[in-house]
Amino acid sequence: MADSIVELIKHGAKIVDVRTPAEFMDGAYPNAINIPVQVLPTRLAELPKDEPIVLYCASGARSAAATQTLKRAGYTHVMNAGGLADMPEV
């Protein structure tokens, strides 16, 4: 899975950190945007449906929930990368 995440990121995937703003400010993946999982349904307009999206959180649980939210909303190229520690070095 890490290889495909690396490829997505290298090809310009939108990287979304679904942790809280406080967690995001403590350290985030380069070029990630912060959309907490709790508010994701109200901020879908910020995410393009026709581009790949890589989601992560602290452990992978919130990003799994966010992945399902996006898929239910019609996003097809969404990948749960797990926790911040799981994110690859690019």
PDB file of N, CA and C in Angstrom:
ATOM      1  N   MET A   1       0.830  -1.202   0.000  1.00  0.00           N
ATOM      2  CA  MET A   1       0.000   0.000   0.000  1.00  0.00           C
ATOM      3  C   MET A   1       0.867   1.255   0.000  1.00  0.00           C
ATOM      4  N   ALA A   2       1.985   1.235   0.732  1.00  0.00           N
ATOM      5  CA  ALA A   2       2.822   2.424   0.819  1.00  0.00           C
ATOM      6  C   ALA A   2       3.303   2.877  -0.559  1.00  0.00           C
ATOM      7  N   ASP A   3       3.618   1.920  -1.439  1.00  0.00           N
ATOM      8  CA  ASP A   3       4.075   2.287  -2.775  1.00  0.00           C
ATOM      9  C   ASP A   3       3.012   3.070  -3.531  1.00  0.00           C
ATOM     10  N   SER A   4       1.774   2.644  -3.433  1.00  0.00           N
ATOM     11  CA  SER A   4       0.732   3.364  -4.151  1.00  0.00           C
ATOM     12  C   SER A   4       0.482   4.734  -3.530  1.00  0.00           C
ATOM     13  N   ILE A   5       0.632   4.857  -2.227  1.00  0.00           N
ATOM     14  CA  ILE A   5       0.497   6.162  -1.580  1.00  0.00           C
ATOM     15  C   ILE A   5       1.609   7.085  -2.054  1.00  0.00           C
ATOM     16  N   VAL A   6       2.816   6.565  -2.110  1.00  0.00           N
ATOM     17  CA  VAL A   6       3.951   7.354  -2.604  1.00  0.00           C
ATOM     18  C   VAL A   6       3.671   7.836  -4.022  1.00  0.00           C
ATOM     19  N   GLU A   7       3.206   6.935  -4.867  1.00  0.00           N
ATOM     20  CA  GLU A   7       2.923   7.314  -6.256  1.00  0.00           C
ATOM     21  C   GLU A   7       1.835   8.384  -6.326  1.00  0.00           C
ATOM     22  N   LEU A   8       0.779   8.215  -5.541  1.00  0.00           N
ATOM     23  CA  LEU A   8      -0.291   9.219  -5.533  1.00  0.00           C
ATOM     24  C   LEU A   8       0.243  10.587  -5.112  1.00  0.00           C
ATOM     25  N   ILE A   9       1.040  10.600  -4.050  1.00  0.00           N
ATOM     26  CA  ILE A   9       1.586  11.875  -3.562  1.00  0.00           C
ATOM     27  C   ILE A   9       2.519  12.490  -4.598  1.00  0.00           C
ATOM     28  N   LYS A  10       3.367  11.674  -5.205  1.00  0.00           N
ATOM     29  CA  LYS A  10       4.294  12.186  -6.214  1.00  0.00           C
ATOM     30  C   LYS A  10       3.560  12.773  -7.413  1.00  0.00           C
ATOM     31  N   HIS A  11       2.366  12.255  -7.678  1.00  0.00           N
ATOM     32  CA  HIS A  11       1.596  12.743  -8.817  1.00  0.00           C
ATOM     33  C   HIS A  11       0.554  13.784  -8.425  1.00  0.00           C
ATOM     34  N   GLY A  12       0.736  14.386  -7.243  1.00  0.00           N
ATOM     35  CA  GLY A  12      -0.085  15.538  -6.888  1.00  0.00           C
ATOM     36  C   GLY A  12      -1.374  15.279  -6.147  1.00  0.00           C
ATOM     37  N   ALA A  13      -1.503  14.126  -5.502  1.00  0.00           N
ATOM     38  CA  ALA A  13      -2.715  13.854  -4.729  1.00  0.00           C
ATOM     39  C   ALA A  13      -2.905  14.911  -3.653  1.00  0.00           C
ATOM     40  N   LYS A  14      -4.149  15.214  -3.378  1.00  0.00           N
ATOM     41  CA  LYS A  14      -4.484  16.106  -2.267  1.00  0.00           C
ATOM     42  C   LYS A  14      -4.293  15.301  -0.988  1.00  0.00           C
ATOM     43  N   ILE A  15      -3.537  15.839  -0.037  1.00  0.00           N
ATOM     44  CA  ILE A  15      -3.271  15.157   1.226  1.00  0.00           C
ATOM     45  C   ILE A  15      -4.099  15.842   2.304  1.00  0.00           C
ATOM     46  N   VAL A  16      -4.948  15.056   2.976  1.00  0.00           N
ATOM     47  CA  VAL A  16      -5.857  15.618   3.960  1.00  0.00           C
ATOM     48  C   VAL A  16      -5.607  14.985   5.329  1.00  0.00           C
ATOM     49  N   ASP A  17      -5.295  15.836   6.287  1.00  0.00           N
ATOM     50  CA  ASP A  17      -5.121  15.455   7.686  1.00  0.00           C
ATOM     51  C   ASP A  17      -6.477  15.639   8.355  1.00  0.00           C
ATOM     52  N   VAL A  18      -7.073  14.556   8.854  1.00  0.00           N
ATOM     53  CA  VAL A  18      -8.413  14.656   9.433  1.00  0.00           C
ATOM     54  C   VAL A  18      -8.381  14.731  10.961  1.00  0.00           C
ATOM     55  N   ARG A  19      -7.214  15.032  11.515  1.00  0.00           N
ATOM     56  CA  ARG A  19      -7.100  15.214  12.966  1.00  0.00           C
ATOM     57  C   ARG A  19      -7.645  16.585  13.361  1.00  0.00           C
ATOM     58  N   THR A  20      -7.622  16.860  14.649  1.00  0.00           N
ATOM     59  CA  THR A  20      -8.086  18.158  15.142  1.00  0.00           C
ATOM     60  C   THR A  20      -7.096  19.248  14.751  1.00  0.00           C
ATOM     61  N   PRO A  21      -7.535  20.505  14.728  1.00  0.00           N
ATOM     62  CA  PRO A  21      -6.600  21.596  14.435  1.00  0.00           C
ATOM     63  C   PRO A  21      -5.409  21.629  15.388  1.00  0.00           C
ATOM     64  N   ALA A  22      -5.621  21.307  16.660  1.00  0.00           N
ATOM     65  CA  ALA A  22      -4.518  21.303  17.633  1.00  0.00           C
ATOM     66  C   ALA A  22      -3.493  20.232  17.277  1.00  0.00           C
ATOM     67  N   GLU A  23      -3.964  19.050  16.891  1.00  0.00           N
ATOM     68  CA  GLU A  23      -3.040  17.986  16.480  1.00  0.00           C
ATOM     69  C   GLU A  23      -2.285  18.399  15.226  1.00  0.00           C
ATOM     70  N   PHE A  24      -2.998  19.011  14.295  1.00  0.00           N
ATOM     71  CA  PHE A  24      -2.391  19.456  13.043  1.00  0.00           C
ATOM     72  C   PHE A  24      -1.280  20.466  13.310  1.00  0.00           C
ATOM     73  N   MET A  25      -1.527  21.390  14.232  1.00  0.00           N
ATOM     74  CA  MET A  25      -0.530  22.421  14.541  1.00  0.00           C
ATOM     75  C   MET A  25       0.698  21.843  15.235  1.00  0.00           C
ATOM     76  N   ASP A  26       0.546  20.702  15.883  1.00  0.00           N
ATOM     77  CA  ASP A  26       1.682  20.058  16.550  1.00  0.00           C
ATOM     78  C   ASP A  26       2.624  19.384  15.560  1.00  0.00           C
ATOM     79  N   GLY A  27       2.180  19.240  14.323  1.00  0.00           N
ATOM     80  CA  GLY A  27       3.014  18.626  13.302  1.00  0.00           C
ATOM     81  C   GLY A  27       2.155  17.905  12.303  1.00  0.00           C
ATOM     82  N   ALA A  28       2.430  18.136  11.041  1.00  0.00           N
ATOM     83  CA  ALA A  28       1.624  17.548   9.975  1.00  0.00           C
ATOM     84  C   ALA A  28       2.523  17.127   8.822  1.00  0.00           C
ATOM     85  N   TYR A  29       1.960  16.336   7.938  1.00  0.00           N
ATOM     86  CA  TYR A  29       2.668  15.894   6.743  1.00  0.00           C
ATOM     87  C   TYR A  29       2.840  17.091   5.802  1.00  0.00           C
ATOM     88  N   PRO A  30       3.965  17.191   5.105  1.00  0.00           N
ATOM     89  CA  PRO A  30       4.180  18.318   4.188  1.00  0.00           C
ATOM     90  C   PRO A  30       3.046  18.467   3.168  1.00  0.00           C
ATOM     91  N   ASN A  31       2.594  19.681   2.998  1.00  0.00           N
ATOM     92  CA  ASN A  31       1.555  20.061   2.026  1.00  0.00           C
ATOM     93  C   ASN A  31       0.162  19.528   2.350  1.00  0.00           C
ATOM     94  N   ALA A  32      -0.015  18.975   3.542  1.00  0.00           N
ATOM     95  CA  ALA A  32      -1.342  18.497   3.929  1.00  0.00           C
ATOM     96  C   ALA A  32      -2.234  19.678   4.298  1.00  0.00           C
ATOM     97  N   ILE A  33      -3.527  19.491   4.051  1.00  0.00           N
ATOM     98  CA  ILE A  33      -4.511  20.450   4.535  1.00  0.00           C
ATOM     99  C   ILE A  33      -5.263  19.793   5.682  1.00  0.00           C
ATOM    100  N   ASN A  34      -5.770  20.603   6.589  1.00  0.00           N
ATOM    101  CA  ASN A  34      -6.462  20.078   7.763  1.00  0.00           C
ATOM    102  C   ASN A  34      -7.963  20.256   7.608  1.00  0.00           C
ATOM    103  N   ILE A  35      -8.660  19.125   7.510  1.00  0.00           N
ATOM    104  CA  ILE A  35     -10.120  19.124   7.541  1.00  0.00           C
ATOM    105  C   ILE A  35     -10.509  18.043   8.557  1.00  0.00           C
ATOM    106  N   PRO A  36     -10.782  18.437   9.798  1.00  0.00           N
ATOM    107  CA  PRO A  36     -11.124  17.444  10.818  1.00  0.00           C
ATOM    108  C   PRO A  36     -12.298  16.567  10.390  1.00  0.00           C
ATOM    109  N   VAL A  37     -12.226  15.292  10.735  1.00  0.00           N
ATOM    110  CA  VAL A  37     -13.242  14.332  10.308  1.00  0.00           C
ATOM    111  C   VAL A  37     -14.641  14.779  10.710  1.00  0.00           C
ATOM    112  N   GLN A  38     -14.763  15.471  11.857  1.00  0.00           N
ATOM    113  CA  GLN A  38     -16.078  15.886  12.335  1.00  0.00           C
ATOM    114  C   GLN A  38     -16.746  16.903  11.419  1.00  0.00           C
ATOM    115  N   VAL A  39     -15.953  17.697  10.710  1.00  0.00           N
ATOM    116  CA  VAL A  39     -16.517  18.734   9.838  1.00  0.00           C
ATOM    117  C   VAL A  39     -16.387  18.394   8.355  1.00  0.00           C
ATOM    118  N   LEU A  40     -15.811  17.255   8.054  1.00  0.00           N
ATOM    119  CA  LEU A  40     -15.594  16.868   6.659  1.00  0.00           C
ATOM    120  C   LEU A  40     -16.865  16.954   5.808  1.00  0.00           C
ATOM    121  N   PRO A  41     -18.009  16.455   6.287  1.00  0.00           N
ATOM    122  CA  PRO A  41     -19.212  16.525   5.442  1.00  0.00           C
ATOM    123  C   PRO A  41     -19.616  17.946   5.044  1.00  0.00           C
ATOM    124  N   THR A  42     -19.248  18.923   5.861  1.00  0.00           N
ATOM    125  CA  THR A  42     -19.609  20.312   5.538  1.00  0.00           C
ATOM    126  C   THR A  42     -18.559  21.013   4.687  1.00  0.00           C
ATOM    127  N   ARG A  43     -17.423  20.330   4.443  1.00  0.00           N
ATOM    128  CA  ARG A  43     -16.333  20.956   3.689  1.00  0.00           C
ATOM    129  C   ARG A  43     -15.971  20.188   2.420  1.00  0.00           C
ATOM    130  N   LEU A  44     -16.868  19.356   1.944  1.00  0.00           N
ATOM    131  CA  LEU A  44     -16.591  18.554   0.751  1.00  0.00           C
ATOM    132  C   LEU A  44     -16.255  19.404  -0.466  1.00  0.00           C
ATOM    133  N   ALA A  45     -16.799  20.595  -0.551  1.00  0.00           N
ATOM    134  CA  ALA A  45     -16.548  21.458  -1.707  1.00  0.00           C
ATOM    135  C   ALA A  45     -15.067  21.819  -1.851  1.00  0.00           C
ATOM    136  N   GLU A  46     -14.296  21.668  -0.778  1.00  0.00           N
ATOM    137  CA  GLU A  46     -12.866  21.981  -0.825  1.00  0.00           C
ATOM    138  C   GLU A  46     -12.044  20.872  -1.480  1.00  0.00           C
ATOM    139  N   LEU A  47     -12.673  19.727  -1.706  1.00  0.00           N
ATOM    140  CA  LEU A  47     -11.951  18.582  -2.250  1.00  0.00           C
ATOM    141  C   LEU A  47     -12.460  18.230  -3.638  1.00  0.00           C
ATOM    142  N   PRO A  48     -11.554  18.179  -4.603  1.00  0.00           N
ATOM    143  CA  PRO A  48     -11.958  17.845  -5.971  1.00  0.00           C
ATOM    144  C   PRO A  48     -12.342  16.370  -6.096  1.00  0.00           C
ATOM    145  N   LYS A  49     -13.448  16.104  -6.741  1.00  0.00           N
ATOM    146  CA  LYS A  49     -13.889  14.714  -6.918  1.00  0.00           C
ATOM    147  C   LYS A  49     -13.085  13.983  -7.976  1.00  0.00           C
ATOM    148  N   ASP A  50     -12.412  14.732  -8.854  1.00  0.00           N
ATOM    149  CA  ASP A  50     -11.721  14.105  -9.976  1.00  0.00           C
ATOM    150  C   ASP A  50     -10.209  13.975  -9.768  1.00  0.00           C
ATOM    151  N   GLU A  51      -9.752  14.145  -8.542  1.00  0.00           N
ATOM    152  CA  GLU A  51      -8.326  14.010  -8.238  1.00  0.00           C
ATOM    153  C   GLU A  51      -8.150  13.043  -7.071  1.00  0.00           C
ATOM    154  N   PRO A  52      -6.997  12.362  -6.996  1.00  0.00           N
ATOM    155  CA  PRO A  52      -6.761  11.448  -5.880  1.00  0.00           C
ATOM    156  C   PRO A  52      -6.627  12.200  -4.560  1.00  0.00           C
ATOM    157  N   ILE A  53      -7.110  11.563  -3.501  1.00  0.00           N
ATOM    158  CA  ILE A  53      -7.048  12.131  -2.161  1.00  0.00           C
ATOM    159  C   ILE A  53      -6.460  11.077  -1.237  1.00  0.00           C
ATOM    160  N   VAL A  54      -5.457  11.486  -0.459  1.00  0.00           N
ATOM    161  CA  VAL A  54      -4.841  10.625   0.544  1.00  0.00           C
ATOM    162  C   VAL A  54      -5.206  11.192   1.908  1.00  0.00           C
ATOM    163  N   LEU A  55      -5.786  10.354   2.763  1.00  0.00           N
ATOM    164  CA  LEU A  55      -6.227  10.780   4.088  1.00  0.00           C
ATOM    165  C   LEU A  55      -5.367  10.132   5.162  1.00  0.00           C
ATOM    166  N   TYR A  56      -5.100  10.867   6.236  1.00  0.00           N
ATOM    167  CA  TYR A  56      -4.425  10.283   7.394  1.00  0.00           C
ATOM    168  C   TYR A  56      -4.901  10.973   8.664  1.00  0.00           C
ATOM    169  N   CYS A  57      -4.637  10.321   9.796  1.00  0.00           N
ATOM    170  CA  CYS A  57      -4.961  10.900  11.104  1.00  0.00           C
ATOM    171  C   CYS A  57      -3.839  10.508  12.060  1.00  0.00           C
ATOM    172  N   ALA A  58      -4.171  10.156  13.297  1.00  0.00           N
ATOM    173  CA  ALA A  58      -3.135   9.737  14.243  1.00  0.00           C
ATOM    174  C   ALA A  58      -2.883   8.237  14.168  1.00  0.00           C
ATOM    175  N   SER A  59      -3.961   7.457  14.040  1.00  0.00           N
ATOM    176  CA  SER A  59      -3.808   6.001  14.060  1.00  0.00           C
ATOM    177  C   SER A  59      -4.389   5.299  12.845  1.00  0.00           C
ATOM    178  N   GLY A  60      -5.241   5.984  12.103  1.00  0.00           N
ATOM    179  CA  GLY A  60      -5.902   5.377  10.954  1.00  0.00           C
ATOM    180  C   GLY A  60      -7.398   5.213  11.131  1.00  0.00           C
ATOM    181  N   ALA A  61      -7.897   5.339  12.348  1.00  0.00           N
ATOM    182  CA  ALA A  61      -9.330   5.147  12.598  1.00  0.00           C
ATOM    183  C   ALA A  61     -10.158   6.302  12.036  1.00  0.00           C
ATOM    184  N   ARG A  62      -9.763   7.530  12.330  1.00  0.00           N
ATOM    185  CA  ARG A  62     -10.514   8.681  11.816  1.00  0.00           C
ATOM    186  C   ARG A  62     -10.383   8.801  10.304  1.00  0.00           C
ATOM    187  N   SER A  63      -9.208   8.476   9.779  1.00  0.00           N
ATOM    188  CA  SER A  63      -9.054   8.553   8.324  1.00  0.00           C
ATOM    189  C   SER A  63      -9.864   7.451   7.634  1.00  0.00           C
ATOM    190  N   ALA A  64     -10.070   6.318   8.313  1.00  0.00           N
ATOM    191  CA  ALA A  64     -10.937   5.277   7.755  1.00  0.00           C
ATOM    192  C   ALA A  64     -12.376   5.784   7.687  1.00  0.00           C
ATOM    193  N   ALA A  65     -12.822   6.459   8.738  1.00  0.00           N
ATOM    194  CA  ALA A  65     -14.175   7.026   8.742  1.00  0.00           C
ATOM    195  C   ALA A  65     -14.303   8.099   7.668  1.00  0.00           C
ATOM    196  N   ALA A  66     -13.264   8.926   7.523  1.00  0.00           N
ATOM    197  CA  ALA A  66     -13.285   9.982   6.509  1.00  0.00           C
ATOM    198  C   ALA A  66     -13.310   9.386   5.103  1.00  0.00           C
ATOM    199  N   THR A  67     -12.591   8.295   4.906  1.00  0.00           N
ATOM    200  CA  THR A  67     -12.592   7.613   3.609  1.00  0.00           C
ATOM    201  C   THR A  67     -14.009   7.173   3.251  1.00  0.00           C
ATOM    202  N   GLN A  68     -14.696   6.590   4.212  1.00  0.00           N
ATOM    203  CA  GLN A  68     -16.073   6.145   3.966  1.00  0.00           C
ATOM    204  C   GLN A  68     -16.996   7.331   3.689  1.00  0.00           C
ATOM    205  N   THR A  69     -16.800   8.440   4.399  1.00  0.00           N
ATOM    206  CA  THR A  69     -17.600   9.641   4.157  1.00  0.00           C
ATOM    207  C   THR A  69     -17.433  10.113   2.719  1.00  0.00           C
ATOM    208  N   LEU A  70     -16.185  10.167   2.260  1.00  0.00           N
ATOM    209  CA  LEU A  70     -15.927  10.628   0.893  1.00  0.00           C
ATOM    210  C   LEU A  70     -16.488   9.647  -0.139  1.00  0.00           C
ATOM    211  N   LYS A  71     -16.327   8.373   0.093  1.00  0.00           N
ATOM    212  CA  LYS A  71     -16.845   7.381  -0.857  1.00  0.00           C
ATOM    213  C   LYS A  71     -18.365   7.468  -0.956  1.00  0.00           C
ATOM    214  N   ARG A  72     -19.040   7.650   0.179  1.00  0.00           N
ATOM    215  CA  ARG A  72     -20.496   7.797   0.160  1.00  0.00           C
ATOM    216  C   ARG A  72     -20.913   9.060  -0.589  1.00  0.00           C
ATOM    217  N   ALA A  73     -20.025  10.063  -0.602  1.00  0.00           N
ATOM    218  CA  ALA A  73     -20.319  11.325  -1.291  1.00  0.00           C
ATOM    219  C   ALA A  73     -19.947  11.275  -2.774  1.00  0.00           C
ATOM    220  N   GLY A  74     -19.473  10.127  -3.251  1.00  0.00           N
ATOM    221  CA  GLY A  74     -19.188   9.979  -4.663  1.00  0.00           C
ATOM    222  C   GLY A  74     -17.729  10.123  -5.063  1.00  0.00           C
ATOM    223  N   TYR A  75     -16.833  10.252  -4.098  1.00  0.00           N
ATOM    224  CA  TYR A  75     -15.405  10.311  -4.409  1.00  0.00           C
ATOM    225  C   TYR A  75     -14.926   8.885  -4.670  1.00  0.00           C
ATOM    226  N   THR A  76     -14.177   8.710  -5.744  1.00  0.00           N
ATOM    227  CA  THR A  76     -13.778   7.354  -6.116  1.00  0.00           C
ATOM    228  C   THR A  76     -12.290   7.067  -5.929  1.00  0.00           C
ATOM    229  N   HIS A  77     -11.465   8.087  -5.927  1.00  0.00           N
ATOM    230  CA  HIS A  77     -10.017   7.890  -5.827  1.00  0.00           C
ATOM    231  C   HIS A  77      -9.525   8.388  -4.474  1.00  0.00           C
ATOM    232  N   VAL A  78      -9.912   7.636  -3.421  1.00  0.00           N
ATOM    233  CA  VAL A  78      -9.604   8.014  -2.047  1.00  0.00           C
ATOM    234  C   VAL A  78      -8.821   6.887  -1.392  1.00  0.00           C
ATOM    235  N   MET A  79      -7.754   7.231  -0.668  1.00  0.00           N
ATOM    236  CA  MET A  79      -6.964   6.210  -0.003  1.00  0.00           C
ATOM    237  C   MET A  79      -6.710   6.593   1.447  1.00  0.00           C
ATOM    238  N   ASN A  80      -6.955   5.661   2.338  1.00  0.00           N
ATOM    239  CA  ASN A  80      -6.641   5.838   3.757  1.00  0.00           C
ATOM    240  C   ASN A  80      -5.198   5.410   3.965  1.00  0.00           C
ATOM    241  N   ALA A  81      -4.351   6.365   4.336  1.00  0.00           N
ATOM    242  CA  ALA A  81      -2.935   6.063   4.537  1.00  0.00           C
ATOM    243  C   ALA A  81      -2.629   5.648   5.972  1.00  0.00           C
ATOM    244  N   GLY A  82      -3.620   5.698   6.857  1.00  0.00           N
ATOM    245  CA  GLY A  82      -3.389   5.316   8.248  1.00  0.00           C
ATOM    246  C   GLY A  82      -3.025   6.527   9.086  1.00  0.00           C
ATOM    247  N   GLY A  83      -2.054   6.321   9.967  1.00  0.00           N
ATOM    248  CA  GLY A  83      -1.624   7.379  10.862  1.00  0.00           C
ATOM    249  C   GLY A  83      -0.498   8.209  10.280  1.00  0.00           C
ATOM    250  N   LEU A  84      -0.235   9.350  10.907  1.00  0.00           N
ATOM    251  CA  LEU A  84       0.836  10.237  10.447  1.00  0.00           C
ATOM    252  C   LEU A  84       2.166   9.488  10.393  1.00  0.00           C
ATOM    253  N   ALA A  85       2.417   8.626  11.380  1.00  0.00           N
ATOM    254  CA  ALA A  85       3.671   7.844  11.403  1.00  0.00           C
ATOM    255  C   ALA A  85       3.768   6.870  10.237  1.00  0.00           C
ATOM    256  N   ASP A  86       2.615   6.526   9.652  1.00  0.00           N
ATOM    257  CA  ASP A  86       2.591   5.596   8.510  1.00  0.00           C
ATOM    258  C   ASP A  86       2.844   6.283   7.182  1.00  0.00           C
ATOM    259  N   MET A  87       2.752   7.600   7.166  1.00  0.00           N
ATOM    260  CA  MET A  87       2.922   8.334   5.914  1.00  0.00           C
ATOM    261  C   MET A  87       4.348   8.185   5.403  1.00  0.00           C
ATOM    262  N   PRO A  88       4.501   7.972   4.107  1.00  0.00           N
ATOM    263  CA  PRO A  88       5.847   7.739   3.561  1.00  0.00           C
ATOM    264  C   PRO A  88       6.655   9.025   3.429  1.00  0.00           C
ATOM    265  N   GLU A  89       7.952   8.844   3.468  1.00  0.00           N
ATOM    266  CA  GLU A  89       8.829   9.963   3.139  1.00  0.00           C
ATOM    267  C   GLU A  89       8.901  10.053   1.630  1.00  0.00           C
ATOM    268  N   VAL A  90       8.649  11.243   1.112  1.00  0.00           N
ATOM    269  CA  VAL A  90       8.626  11.413  -0.355  1.00  0.00           C
ATOM    270  C   VAL A  90       9.723  12.362  -0.766  1.00  0.00           C
TER     271      VAL A  90
END
